[in-house]
N, C-alpha and C. Protein backbone atom coordinates (compact mmCIF):
# COMPACT_ATOMS: atom_id res chain seq x y z
N MET A 1 -59.62 -53.37 156.67
CA MET A 1 -61.00 -53.49 156.20
C MET A 1 -61.15 -52.79 154.86
N SER A 2 -61.92 -53.38 153.95
CA SER A 2 -62.05 -52.80 152.61
C SER A 2 -62.96 -51.58 152.65
N ALA A 3 -62.77 -50.71 151.70
CA ALA A 3 -63.59 -49.50 151.62
C ALA A 3 -65.01 -49.85 151.16
N ARG A 4 -65.17 -50.98 150.45
CA ARG A 4 -66.48 -51.37 149.94
C ARG A 4 -67.20 -52.30 150.92
N SER A 5 -67.38 -51.82 152.13
CA SER A 5 -68.13 -52.62 153.11
C SER A 5 -69.61 -52.57 152.75
N ASP A 6 -70.40 -53.44 153.35
CA ASP A 6 -71.84 -53.46 153.08
C ASP A 6 -72.47 -52.11 153.38
N ARG A 7 -72.03 -51.50 154.47
CA ARG A 7 -72.60 -50.20 154.84
C ARG A 7 -72.27 -49.13 153.80
N ASN A 8 -71.01 -49.15 153.32
CA ASN A 8 -70.62 -48.17 152.31
C ASN A 8 -71.41 -48.37 151.01
N ILE A 9 -71.64 -49.62 150.64
CA ILE A 9 -72.41 -49.90 149.43
C ILE A 9 -73.83 -49.34 149.57
N GLU A 10 -74.44 -49.55 150.72
CA GLU A 10 -75.79 -49.02 150.96
C GLU A 10 -75.79 -47.50 150.87
N THR A 11 -74.77 -46.87 151.46
CA THR A 11 -74.68 -45.40 151.43
C THR A 11 -74.57 -44.90 150.00
N ARG A 12 -73.74 -45.55 149.19
CA ARG A 12 -73.57 -45.15 147.79
C ARG A 12 -74.87 -45.30 147.01
N LYS A 13 -75.61 -46.37 147.28
CA LYS A 13 -76.88 -46.58 146.60
C LYS A 13 -77.88 -45.48 146.97
N LYS A 14 -77.93 -45.11 148.25
CA LYS A 14 -78.84 -44.06 148.70
C LYS A 14 -78.49 -42.73 148.05
N LYS A 15 -77.20 -42.42 148.00
CA LYS A 15 -76.76 -41.16 147.39
C LYS A 15 -77.11 -41.14 145.90
N ALA A 16 -76.96 -42.29 145.24
CA ALA A 16 -77.28 -42.38 143.81
C ALA A 16 -78.76 -42.14 143.57
N ARG A 17 -79.59 -42.67 144.48
CA ARG A 17 -81.04 -42.48 144.33
C ARG A 17 -81.44 -41.03 144.56
N ARG A 18 -80.73 -40.34 145.45
CA ARG A 18 -81.08 -38.95 145.77
C ARG A 18 -80.56 -37.95 144.74
N ALA A 19 -79.59 -38.39 143.92
CA ALA A 19 -78.95 -37.47 142.99
C ALA A 19 -79.97 -36.90 142.01
N ILE A 20 -79.81 -35.62 141.69
CA ILE A 20 -80.70 -34.96 140.74
C ILE A 20 -80.32 -35.40 139.34
N ALA A 21 -81.31 -35.75 138.53
CA ALA A 21 -81.04 -36.15 137.14
C ALA A 21 -80.69 -34.90 136.34
N ARG A 22 -79.52 -34.89 135.78
CA ARG A 22 -79.08 -33.74 134.99
C ARG A 22 -78.85 -34.18 133.55
N PRO A 23 -79.12 -33.31 132.58
CA PRO A 23 -78.84 -33.69 131.19
C PRO A 23 -77.35 -33.84 130.95
N LYS A 24 -77.00 -34.70 130.01
CA LYS A 24 -75.59 -34.88 129.68
C LYS A 24 -75.04 -33.59 129.08
N THR A 25 -73.75 -33.35 129.28
CA THR A 25 -73.16 -32.14 128.73
C THR A 25 -73.18 -32.21 127.22
N THR A 26 -73.54 -31.11 126.58
CA THR A 26 -73.69 -31.11 125.13
C THR A 26 -72.35 -30.91 124.44
N ARG A 27 -71.39 -30.28 125.11
CA ARG A 27 -70.08 -30.13 124.49
C ARG A 27 -69.01 -30.27 125.57
N ILE A 28 -67.88 -30.80 125.19
CA ILE A 28 -66.81 -31.03 126.14
C ILE A 28 -66.11 -29.70 126.44
N GLN A 29 -65.67 -29.53 127.66
CA GLN A 29 -64.90 -28.36 128.06
C GLN A 29 -63.48 -28.82 128.31
N GLY A 30 -62.54 -27.91 128.32
CA GLY A 30 -61.19 -28.31 128.67
C GLY A 30 -60.16 -27.41 128.04
N ASN A 31 -58.95 -27.51 128.52
CA ASN A 31 -57.88 -26.64 128.07
C ASN A 31 -56.76 -27.42 127.40
N THR A 32 -56.98 -28.69 127.11
CA THR A 32 -55.94 -29.47 126.43
C THR A 32 -56.03 -29.21 124.93
N GLY A 33 -54.97 -29.53 124.22
CA GLY A 33 -54.93 -29.28 122.77
C GLY A 33 -56.07 -29.94 122.04
N GLY A 34 -56.30 -31.21 122.34
CA GLY A 34 -57.36 -31.95 121.65
C GLY A 34 -58.73 -31.39 121.94
N ALA A 35 -58.97 -31.06 123.22
CA ALA A 35 -60.28 -30.54 123.62
C ALA A 35 -60.51 -29.17 122.99
N ARG A 36 -59.48 -28.33 122.97
CA ARG A 36 -59.62 -27.00 122.37
C ARG A 36 -59.94 -27.10 120.88
N LYS A 37 -59.30 -28.07 120.23
CA LYS A 37 -59.55 -28.26 118.80
C LYS A 37 -60.99 -28.69 118.55
N ARG A 38 -61.47 -29.63 119.38
CA ARG A 38 -62.85 -30.08 119.22
C ARG A 38 -63.85 -28.97 119.51
N LEU A 39 -63.55 -28.15 120.54
CA LEU A 39 -64.43 -27.02 120.86
C LEU A 39 -64.46 -26.03 119.70
N LYS A 40 -63.29 -25.78 119.11
CA LYS A 40 -63.20 -24.84 117.98
C LYS A 40 -64.02 -25.35 116.81
N LYS A 41 -63.90 -26.65 116.54
CA LYS A 41 -64.65 -27.25 115.44
C LYS A 41 -66.15 -27.17 115.72
N ALA A 42 -66.55 -27.48 116.97
CA ALA A 42 -67.96 -27.45 117.34
C ALA A 42 -68.53 -26.05 117.21
N SER A 43 -67.75 -25.05 117.62
CA SER A 43 -68.23 -23.68 117.54
C SER A 43 -68.37 -23.24 116.09
N GLY A 44 -67.44 -23.71 115.23
CA GLY A 44 -67.53 -23.39 113.81
C GLY A 44 -68.77 -23.99 113.19
N ILE A 45 -69.07 -25.22 113.54
CA ILE A 45 -70.27 -25.89 113.02
C ILE A 45 -71.52 -25.15 113.51
N ALA A 46 -71.51 -24.75 114.78
CA ALA A 46 -72.65 -24.02 115.35
C ALA A 46 -72.84 -22.68 114.64
N ARG A 47 -71.74 -22.02 114.31
CA ARG A 47 -71.83 -20.73 113.61
C ARG A 47 -72.42 -20.93 112.22
N GLY A 48 -72.03 -22.02 111.59
CA GLY A 48 -72.56 -22.32 110.25
C GLY A 48 -74.05 -22.55 110.28
N LYS A 49 -74.53 -23.22 111.34
CA LYS A 49 -75.98 -23.48 111.47
C LYS A 49 -76.72 -22.19 111.75
N ALA A 50 -76.12 -21.28 112.52
CA ALA A 50 -76.77 -20.03 112.87
C ALA A 50 -76.97 -19.15 111.64
N LYS A 51 -76.02 -19.17 110.72
CA LYS A 51 -76.10 -18.36 109.50
C LYS A 51 -77.22 -18.85 108.60
N ALA A 52 -77.32 -20.14 108.45
CA ALA A 52 -78.28 -20.70 107.47
C ALA A 52 -79.72 -20.54 107.86
């Protein structure tokens, strides 16, 4: 039997309706090289705005 039965679809829809609306993340988190580089750049830009 497939995991996407009618009952499962209904359950997923109900859970989606109950979910709390949260704002999108403003900056990516992570420990990979690319993510760390982007975080570093974002923090530098933020520091520049704070000074001005």
